[in-house]
Amino acid sequence: MGKGKGKPNGKKPPPEEKKHYLDAEHTKVRVVDFDLKELVVLPREIDLNEWLACNTTTFFNLINLQYSTISEFCTGDTCLAMTACSTTYYWQDEKGKKTKCTAPQYVDFVMSSVQKLVTDEDIFPTKYGDIDNNQKCFLGSRSAYYTDF
């Protein structure tokens, strides 16, 4: 009684599907002919604050996801400081004190800070009609984007 090739139960593994998104015709394509203003226009019948809050939290989640894919390559041992080009970045706490930290620590501080903002009900209310001031959502998204990214 011979053993079959493939899986231990004797069944052959299914053939690997071709990943079309890895084809050269797709990986070499770039979007270059577009108007950025058209991509970010406020849709009709959508509340501005709702739109800002939704896009800000989506942006935060996508940045968080993107960082999680590279975080294993940037550790406290390999990335001793948060640098870009020849500039070293220091974390500044609520009191204004600058602290030198590793790149992963810096990113953790930034992500934690933004997480605190996007989950703050005063800045991003989750119930319709809870907005006291039309600028709260805008200020929160502006702060999250300009201060932390």
N, C-alpha and C. Protein backbone atom coordinates (compact mmCIF):
# COMPACT_ATOMS: atom_id res chain seq x y z
N MET A 1 0.84 -1.17 0.00
CA MET A 1 0.00 0.00 0.00
C MET A 1 0.89 1.23 0.00
N GLY A 2 0.87 1.98 -1.06
CA GLY A 2 1.72 3.14 -1.20
C GLY A 2 1.06 4.40 -0.67
N LYS A 3 1.89 5.31 -0.29
CA LYS A 3 1.37 6.59 0.19
C LYS A 3 1.25 7.54 -1.00
N GLY A 4 0.17 8.29 -1.01
CA GLY A 4 -0.03 9.27 -2.08
C GLY A 4 0.81 10.51 -1.85
N LYS A 5 1.08 11.19 -2.93
CA LYS A 5 1.82 12.44 -2.82
C LYS A 5 0.87 13.55 -2.40
N GLY A 6 1.40 14.52 -1.75
CA GLY A 6 0.57 15.65 -1.34
C GLY A 6 0.33 15.65 0.15
N LYS A 7 -0.93 15.79 0.53
CA LYS A 7 -1.29 15.88 1.94
C LYS A 7 -1.16 14.53 2.62
N PRO A 8 -1.01 14.52 3.95
CA PRO A 8 -0.87 13.26 4.68
C PRO A 8 -2.06 12.31 4.50
N ASN A 9 -3.25 12.82 4.23
CA ASN A 9 -4.40 11.95 4.06
C ASN A 9 -4.48 11.35 2.66
N GLY A 10 -3.50 11.61 1.83
CA GLY A 10 -3.44 11.02 0.50
C GLY A 10 -4.05 11.87 -0.59
N LYS A 11 -4.76 12.93 -0.24
CA LYS A 11 -5.37 13.79 -1.25
C LYS A 11 -4.34 14.78 -1.77
N LYS A 12 -4.44 15.06 -3.04
CA LYS A 12 -3.55 16.04 -3.65
C LYS A 12 -4.03 17.45 -3.28
N PRO A 13 -3.09 18.36 -3.06
CA PRO A 13 -3.51 19.73 -2.76
C PRO A 13 -4.13 20.35 -4.01
N PRO A 14 -5.05 21.27 -3.82
CA PRO A 14 -5.65 21.92 -4.99
C PRO A 14 -4.60 22.75 -5.72
N PRO A 15 -4.75 22.88 -7.03
CA PRO A 15 -3.76 23.68 -7.77
C PRO A 15 -3.79 25.12 -7.28
N GLU A 16 -2.62 25.73 -7.24
CA GLU A 16 -2.52 27.11 -6.77
C GLU A 16 -3.14 28.04 -7.80
N GLU A 17 -4.01 28.92 -7.30
CA GLU A 17 -4.66 29.88 -8.19
C GLU A 17 -3.67 30.96 -8.62
N LYS A 18 -3.83 31.38 -9.85
CA LYS A 18 -2.98 32.47 -10.34
C LYS A 18 -3.45 33.77 -9.71
N LYS A 19 -2.51 34.53 -9.20
CA LYS A 19 -2.82 35.81 -8.57
C LYS A 19 -2.68 36.91 -9.62
N HIS A 20 -3.80 37.29 -10.20
CA HIS A 20 -3.78 38.26 -11.30
C HIS A 20 -3.26 39.63 -10.85
N TYR A 21 -3.47 39.96 -9.59
CA TYR A 21 -3.00 41.27 -9.12
C TYR A 21 -1.48 41.35 -9.06
N LEU A 22 -0.78 40.22 -9.23
CA LEU A 22 0.68 40.23 -9.27
C LEU A 22 1.23 40.25 -10.69
N ASP A 23 0.34 40.19 -11.69
CA ASP A 23 0.79 40.26 -13.08
C ASP A 23 1.45 41.62 -13.33
N ALA A 24 2.45 41.61 -14.21
CA ALA A 24 3.19 42.83 -14.51
C ALA A 24 2.28 43.95 -15.02
N GLU A 25 1.26 43.58 -15.78
CA GLU A 25 0.37 44.61 -16.32
C GLU A 25 -0.34 45.38 -15.21
N HIS A 26 -0.53 44.75 -14.06
CA HIS A 26 -1.20 45.42 -12.94
C HIS A 26 -0.20 46.07 -11.98
N THR A 27 0.95 45.44 -11.79
CA THR A 27 1.92 45.98 -10.82
C THR A 27 2.67 47.19 -11.35
N LYS A 28 2.71 47.36 -12.64
CA LYS A 28 3.44 48.48 -13.25
C LYS A 28 2.54 49.70 -13.50
N VAL A 29 1.25 49.55 -13.29
CA VAL A 29 0.31 50.63 -13.58
C VAL A 29 0.33 51.66 -12.45
N ARG A 30 0.31 52.93 -12.82
CA ARG A 30 0.25 54.01 -11.84
C ARG A 30 -0.91 54.93 -12.19
N VAL A 31 -1.53 55.46 -11.19
CA VAL A 31 -2.57 56.45 -11.41
C VAL A 31 -1.90 57.81 -11.40
N VAL A 32 -1.83 58.43 -12.56
CA VAL A 32 -1.15 59.72 -12.65
C VAL A 32 -2.05 60.81 -13.21
N ASP A 33 -3.08 60.42 -13.92
CA ASP A 33 -3.94 61.40 -14.54
C ASP A 33 -5.26 61.48 -13.77
N PHE A 34 -5.25 62.24 -12.68
CA PHE A 34 -6.47 62.41 -11.90
C PHE A 34 -6.43 63.77 -11.21
N ASP A 35 -7.58 64.21 -10.81
CA ASP A 35 -7.69 65.48 -10.11
C ASP A 35 -7.96 65.16 -8.64
N LEU A 36 -7.01 65.46 -7.78
CA LEU A 36 -7.14 65.15 -6.37
C LEU A 36 -8.37 65.81 -5.76
N LYS A 37 -8.70 67.00 -6.23
CA LYS A 37 -9.88 67.69 -5.70
C LYS A 37 -11.16 66.89 -5.96
N GLU A 38 -11.22 66.19 -7.09
CA GLU A 38 -12.39 65.37 -7.38
C GLU A 38 -12.48 64.17 -6.45
N LEU A 39 -11.32 63.64 -6.06
CA LEU A 39 -11.32 62.47 -5.18
C LEU A 39 -11.77 62.78 -3.76
N VAL A 40 -11.57 64.00 -3.33
CA VAL A 40 -11.88 64.34 -1.94
C VAL A 40 -13.09 65.27 -1.79
N VAL A 41 -13.86 65.43 -2.85
CA VAL A 41 -15.02 66.31 -2.78
C VAL A 41 -16.08 65.70 -1.86
N LEU A 42 -16.75 66.56 -1.12
CA LEU A 42 -17.82 66.13 -0.23
C LEU A 42 -19.02 65.68 -1.06
N PRO A 43 -19.44 64.42 -0.91
CA PRO A 43 -20.60 63.94 -1.66
C PRO A 43 -21.87 64.71 -1.26
N ARG A 44 -22.78 64.85 -2.22
CA ARG A 44 -24.05 65.52 -1.93
C ARG A 44 -24.80 64.74 -0.84
N GLU A 45 -25.55 65.46 -0.05
CA GLU A 45 -26.39 64.89 1.00
C GLU A 45 -25.61 64.20 2.12
N ILE A 46 -24.32 64.44 2.21
CA ILE A 46 -23.51 63.89 3.30
C ILE A 46 -23.07 65.04 4.19
N ASP A 47 -23.25 64.87 5.48
CA ASP A 47 -22.85 65.88 6.45
C ASP A 47 -21.33 66.03 6.46
N LEU A 48 -20.85 67.26 6.42
CA LEU A 48 -19.41 67.52 6.39
C LEU A 48 -18.70 66.89 7.57
N ASN A 49 -19.24 67.05 8.77
CA ASN A 49 -18.59 66.50 9.96
C ASN A 49 -18.53 64.97 9.92
N GLU A 50 -19.60 64.36 9.43
CA GLU A 50 -19.64 62.90 9.30
C GLU A 50 -18.59 62.44 8.30
N TRP A 51 -18.50 63.16 7.18
CA TRP A 51 -17.54 62.82 6.14
C TRP A 51 -16.11 62.96 6.65
N LEU A 52 -15.81 64.06 7.35
CA LEU A 52 -14.47 64.26 7.91
C LEU A 52 -14.12 63.18 8.92
N ALA A 53 -15.05 62.88 9.81
CA ALA A 53 -14.80 61.86 10.83
C ALA A 53 -14.57 60.50 10.20
N CYS A 54 -15.40 60.15 9.24
CA CYS A 54 -15.28 58.84 8.57
C CYS A 54 -13.94 58.72 7.85
N ASN A 55 -13.56 59.74 7.11
CA ASN A 55 -12.31 59.68 6.36
C ASN A 55 -11.09 59.76 7.26
N THR A 56 -11.19 60.49 8.35
CA THR A 56 -10.08 60.57 9.29
C THR A 56 -9.84 59.23 9.96
N THR A 57 -10.91 58.60 10.43
CA THR A 57 -10.74 57.29 11.09
C THR A 57 -10.30 56.23 10.09
N THR A 58 -10.80 56.30 8.87
CA THR A 58 -10.36 55.35 7.84
C THR A 58 -8.88 55.54 7.55
N PHE A 59 -8.45 56.78 7.41
CA PHE A 59 -7.04 57.08 7.17
C PHE A 59 -6.18 56.53 8.31
N PHE A 60 -6.61 56.76 9.54
CA PHE A 60 -5.88 56.26 10.71
C PHE A 60 -5.78 54.73 10.67
N ASN A 61 -6.89 54.06 10.38
CA ASN A 61 -6.88 52.59 10.34
C ASN A 61 -5.98 52.06 9.23
N LEU A 62 -5.97 52.72 8.09
CA LEU A 62 -5.10 52.29 6.99
C LEU A 62 -3.63 52.51 7.31
N ILE A 63 -3.30 53.62 7.94
CA ILE A 63 -1.92 53.87 8.36
C ILE A 63 -1.50 52.82 9.38
N ASN A 64 -2.38 52.52 10.32
CA ASN A 64 -2.10 51.50 11.34
C ASN A 64 -1.86 50.14 10.69
N LEU A 65 -2.69 49.78 9.72
CA LEU A 65 -2.53 48.52 9.01
C LEU A 65 -1.23 48.50 8.22
N GLN A 66 -0.93 49.59 7.55
CA GLN A 66 0.30 49.66 6.77
C GLN A 66 1.52 49.53 7.67
N TYR A 67 1.52 50.22 8.80
CA TYR A 67 2.66 50.12 9.71
C TYR A 67 2.81 48.71 10.26
N SER A 68 1.70 48.03 10.51
CA SER A 68 1.79 46.67 11.06
C SER A 68 2.50 45.72 10.10
N THR A 69 2.46 46.01 8.81
CA THR A 69 3.14 45.13 7.85
C THR A 69 4.65 45.31 7.84
N ILE A 70 5.13 46.45 8.31
CA ILE A 70 6.58 46.69 8.30
C ILE A 70 7.18 46.72 9.70
N SER A 71 6.36 46.64 10.72
CA SER A 71 6.85 46.81 12.09
C SER A 71 7.86 45.75 12.51
N GLU A 72 7.80 44.56 11.92
CA GLU A 72 8.76 43.53 12.30
C GLU A 72 10.18 43.86 11.81
N PHE A 73 10.29 44.75 10.84
CA PHE A 73 11.60 45.12 10.31
C PHE A 73 12.19 46.34 11.02
N CYS A 74 11.38 47.02 11.77
CA CYS A 74 11.83 48.21 12.49
C CYS A 74 11.63 47.97 13.98
N THR A 75 12.68 47.54 14.64
CA THR A 75 12.61 47.23 16.07
C THR A 75 13.44 48.25 16.84
N GLY A 76 13.38 48.17 18.15
CA GLY A 76 14.19 49.05 18.97
C GLY A 76 15.67 48.87 18.74
N ASP A 77 16.07 47.67 18.29
CA ASP A 77 17.48 47.40 18.01
C ASP A 77 17.91 47.90 16.63
N THR A 78 17.01 47.85 15.67
CA THR A 78 17.37 48.23 14.30
C THR A 78 17.07 49.70 13.99
N CYS A 79 16.12 50.28 14.68
CA CYS A 79 15.73 51.68 14.44
C CYS A 79 15.85 52.44 15.76
N LEU A 80 17.05 52.89 16.05
CA LEU A 80 17.34 53.49 17.35
C LEU A 80 16.70 54.87 17.55
N ALA A 81 16.36 55.53 16.45
CA ALA A 81 15.74 56.86 16.55
C ALA A 81 14.76 57.02 15.40
N MET A 82 13.82 57.93 15.58
CA MET A 82 12.87 58.24 14.52
C MET A 82 13.50 59.30 13.64
N THR A 83 13.98 58.88 12.47
CA THR A 83 14.66 59.80 11.57
C THR A 83 14.09 59.72 10.17
N ALA A 84 14.19 60.82 9.46
CA ALA A 84 13.85 60.87 8.04
C ALA A 84 14.86 61.82 7.41
N CYS A 85 15.53 61.34 6.39
CA CYS A 85 16.65 62.07 5.79
C CYS A 85 17.66 62.36 6.89
N SER A 86 17.94 63.59 7.17
CA SER A 86 18.92 63.90 8.22
C SER A 86 18.26 64.51 9.46
N THR A 87 16.94 64.37 9.56
CA THR A 87 16.21 64.94 10.69
C THR A 87 15.83 63.86 11.69
N THR A 88 16.11 64.11 12.96
CA THR A 88 15.69 63.21 14.03
C THR A 88 14.47 63.82 14.70
N TYR A 89 13.44 62.99 14.88
CA TYR A 89 12.20 63.46 15.49
C TYR A 89 12.14 63.02 16.94
N TYR A 90 11.66 63.92 17.78
CA TYR A 90 11.51 63.65 19.21
C TYR A 90 10.03 63.70 19.56
N TRP A 91 9.62 62.82 20.45
CA TRP A 91 8.23 62.84 20.88
C TRP A 91 8.05 63.99 21.87
N GLN A 92 6.96 64.74 21.70
CA GLN A 92 6.67 65.84 22.60
C GLN A 92 5.40 65.50 23.36
N ASP A 93 5.50 65.41 24.69
CA ASP A 93 4.34 65.03 25.50
C ASP A 93 3.39 66.21 25.69
N GLU A 94 2.32 65.98 26.47
CA GLU A 94 1.29 67.00 26.68
C GLU A 94 1.85 68.27 27.32
N LYS A 95 2.92 68.13 28.08
CA LYS A 95 3.52 69.28 28.78
C LYS A 95 4.55 70.00 27.92
N GLY A 96 4.82 69.49 26.72
CA GLY A 96 5.77 70.12 25.81
C GLY A 96 7.19 69.60 25.94
N LYS A 97 7.39 68.59 26.79
CA LYS A 97 8.74 68.04 26.97
C LYS A 97 9.07 67.11 25.81
N LYS A 98 10.23 67.35 25.18
CA LYS A 98 10.68 66.50 24.07
C LYS A 98 11.45 65.31 24.62
N THR A 99 11.18 64.13 24.05
CA THR A 99 11.82 62.91 24.50
C THR A 99 12.38 62.16 23.30
N LYS A 100 13.66 61.78 23.39
CA LYS A 100 14.25 60.96 22.34
C LYS A 100 13.79 59.52 22.58
N CYS A 101 13.36 58.86 21.52
CA CYS A 101 12.90 57.48 21.66
C CYS A 101 13.20 56.72 20.37
N THR A 102 13.08 55.41 20.44
CA THR A 102 13.30 54.60 19.24
C THR A 102 12.14 54.83 18.27
N ALA A 103 12.35 54.47 17.02
CA ALA A 103 11.30 54.65 16.02
C ALA A 103 10.02 53.89 16.38
N PRO A 104 10.11 52.62 16.83
CA PRO A 104 8.87 51.94 17.21
C PRO A 104 8.15 52.62 18.38
N GLN A 105 8.91 53.14 19.33
CA GLN A 105 8.29 53.85 20.45
C GLN A 105 7.60 55.12 19.95
N TYR A 106 8.26 55.84 19.05
CA TYR A 106 7.69 57.07 18.50
C TYR A 106 6.38 56.77 17.78
N VAL A 107 6.40 55.75 16.93
CA VAL A 107 5.18 55.38 16.20
C VAL A 107 4.09 54.96 17.17
N ASP A 108 4.45 54.23 18.21
CA ASP A 108 3.46 53.82 19.21
C ASP A 108 2.87 55.04 19.91
N PHE A 109 3.70 56.02 20.25
CA PHE A 109 3.20 57.25 20.87
C PHE A 109 2.23 57.97 19.94
N VAL A 110 2.60 58.09 18.66
CA VAL A 110 1.75 58.76 17.69
C VAL A 110 0.43 58.02 17.52
N MET A 111 0.51 56.71 17.32
CA MET A 111 -0.71 55.94 17.10
C MET A 111 -1.61 55.95 18.34
N SER A 112 -1.02 55.90 19.52
CA SER A 112 -1.82 55.96 20.75
C SER A 112 -2.48 57.32 20.89
N SER A 113 -1.75 58.37 20.55
CA SER A 113 -2.29 59.72 20.62
C SER A 113 -3.46 59.89 19.67
N VAL A 114 -3.31 59.42 18.44
CA VAL A 114 -4.39 59.53 17.46
C VAL A 114 -5.56 58.64 17.85
N GLN A 115 -5.27 57.46 18.37
CA GLN A 115 -6.34 56.56 18.83
C GLN A 115 -7.17 57.24 19.91
N LYS A 116 -6.49 57.94 20.81
CA LYS A 116 -7.20 58.66 21.88
C LYS A 116 -8.12 59.73 21.27
N LEU A 117 -7.63 60.42 20.23
CA LEU A 117 -8.44 61.44 19.56
C LEU A 117 -9.66 60.86 18.86
N VAL A 118 -9.44 59.81 18.07
CA VAL A 118 -10.55 59.28 17.26
C VAL A 118 -11.58 58.54 18.10
N THR A 119 -11.24 58.16 19.31
CA THR A 119 -12.23 57.50 20.18
C THR A 119 -12.82 58.46 21.21
N ASP A 120 -12.44 59.73 21.14
CA ASP A 120 -12.98 60.74 22.06
C ASP A 120 -14.34 61.19 21.54
N GLU A 121 -15.38 60.93 22.33
CA GLU A 121 -16.75 61.27 21.93
C GLU A 121 -16.96 62.78 21.77
N ASP A 122 -16.16 63.59 22.44
CA ASP A 122 -16.30 65.04 22.29
C ASP A 122 -15.78 65.52 20.94
N ILE A 123 -14.83 64.80 20.38
CA ILE A 123 -14.26 65.18 19.09
C ILE A 123 -14.95 64.46 17.94
N PHE A 124 -15.16 63.15 18.10
CA PHE A 124 -15.81 62.33 17.09
C PHE A 124 -17.02 61.63 17.70
N PRO A 125 -18.15 62.34 17.82
CA PRO A 125 -19.34 61.71 18.39
C PRO A 125 -19.80 60.56 17.50
N THR A 126 -20.29 59.50 18.13
CA THR A 126 -20.75 58.35 17.36
C THR A 126 -22.26 58.33 17.20
N LYS A 127 -22.96 59.21 17.88
CA LYS A 127 -24.41 59.27 17.77
C LYS A 127 -24.81 60.51 16.98
N TYR A 128 -25.73 60.34 16.07
CA TYR A 128 -26.18 61.44 15.22
C TYR A 128 -26.77 62.56 16.09
N GLY A 129 -26.39 63.78 15.79
CA GLY A 129 -26.94 64.93 16.50
C GLY A 129 -26.19 65.29 17.77
N ASP A 130 -25.10 64.60 18.10
CA ASP A 130 -24.35 64.89 19.31
C ASP A 130 -23.32 66.00 19.13
N ILE A 131 -23.23 66.58 17.97
CA ILE A 131 -22.21 67.59 17.72
C ILE A 131 -22.70 68.93 18.25
N ASP A 132 -21.98 69.47 19.24
CA ASP A 132 -22.33 70.76 19.82
C ASP A 132 -21.83 71.90 18.93
N ASN A 133 -20.74 71.65 18.26
CA ASN A 133 -20.06 72.70 17.53
C ASN A 133 -19.60 72.12 16.19
N ASN A 134 -19.89 72.78 15.10
CA ASN A 134 -19.55 72.24 13.79
C ASN A 134 -18.06 72.04 13.57
N GLN A 135 -17.24 72.70 14.35
CA GLN A 135 -15.80 72.60 14.12
C GLN A 135 -15.15 71.48 14.89
N LYS A 136 -15.84 70.80 15.80
CA LYS A 136 -15.19 69.77 16.61
C LYS A 136 -14.59 68.66 15.76
N CYS A 137 -15.36 68.13 14.85
CA CYS A 137 -14.85 67.04 14.02
C CYS A 137 -13.71 67.54 13.13
N PHE A 138 -13.88 68.74 12.59
CA PHE A 138 -12.82 69.27 11.75
C PHE A 138 -11.53 69.47 12.54
N LEU A 139 -11.64 70.02 13.73
CA LEU A 139 -10.46 70.25 14.55
C LEU A 139 -9.79 68.94 14.93
N GLY A 140 -10.59 67.94 15.23
CA GLY A 140 -10.02 66.63 15.58
C GLY A 140 -9.28 66.01 14.41
N SER A 141 -9.88 66.06 13.23
CA SER A 141 -9.22 65.47 12.07
C SER A 141 -7.99 66.29 11.68
N ARG A 142 -8.09 67.61 11.79
CA ARG A 142 -6.95 68.45 11.48
C ARG A 142 -5.80 68.15 12.43
N SER A 143 -6.12 68.03 13.70
CA SER A 143 -5.09 67.73 14.70
C SER A 143 -4.46 66.38 14.45
N ALA A 144 -5.29 65.38 14.17
CA ALA A 144 -4.78 64.03 13.93
C ALA A 144 -3.86 64.01 12.72
N TYR A 145 -4.22 64.72 11.67
CA TYR A 145 -3.43 64.69 10.45
C TYR A 145 -2.18 65.56 10.55
N TYR A 146 -2.35 66.82 10.89
CA TYR A 146 -1.21 67.74 10.85
C TYR A 146 -0.25 67.57 12.02
N THR A 147 -0.75 67.28 13.20
CA THR A 147 0.12 67.18 14.36
C THR A 147 0.87 65.86 14.39
N ASP A 148 0.17 64.78 14.08
CA ASP A 148 0.74 63.46 14.29
C ASP A 148 1.28 62.80 13.04
N PHE A 149 0.88 63.26 11.87
CA PHE A 149 1.41 62.65 10.65
C PHE A 149 2.15 63.71 9.92
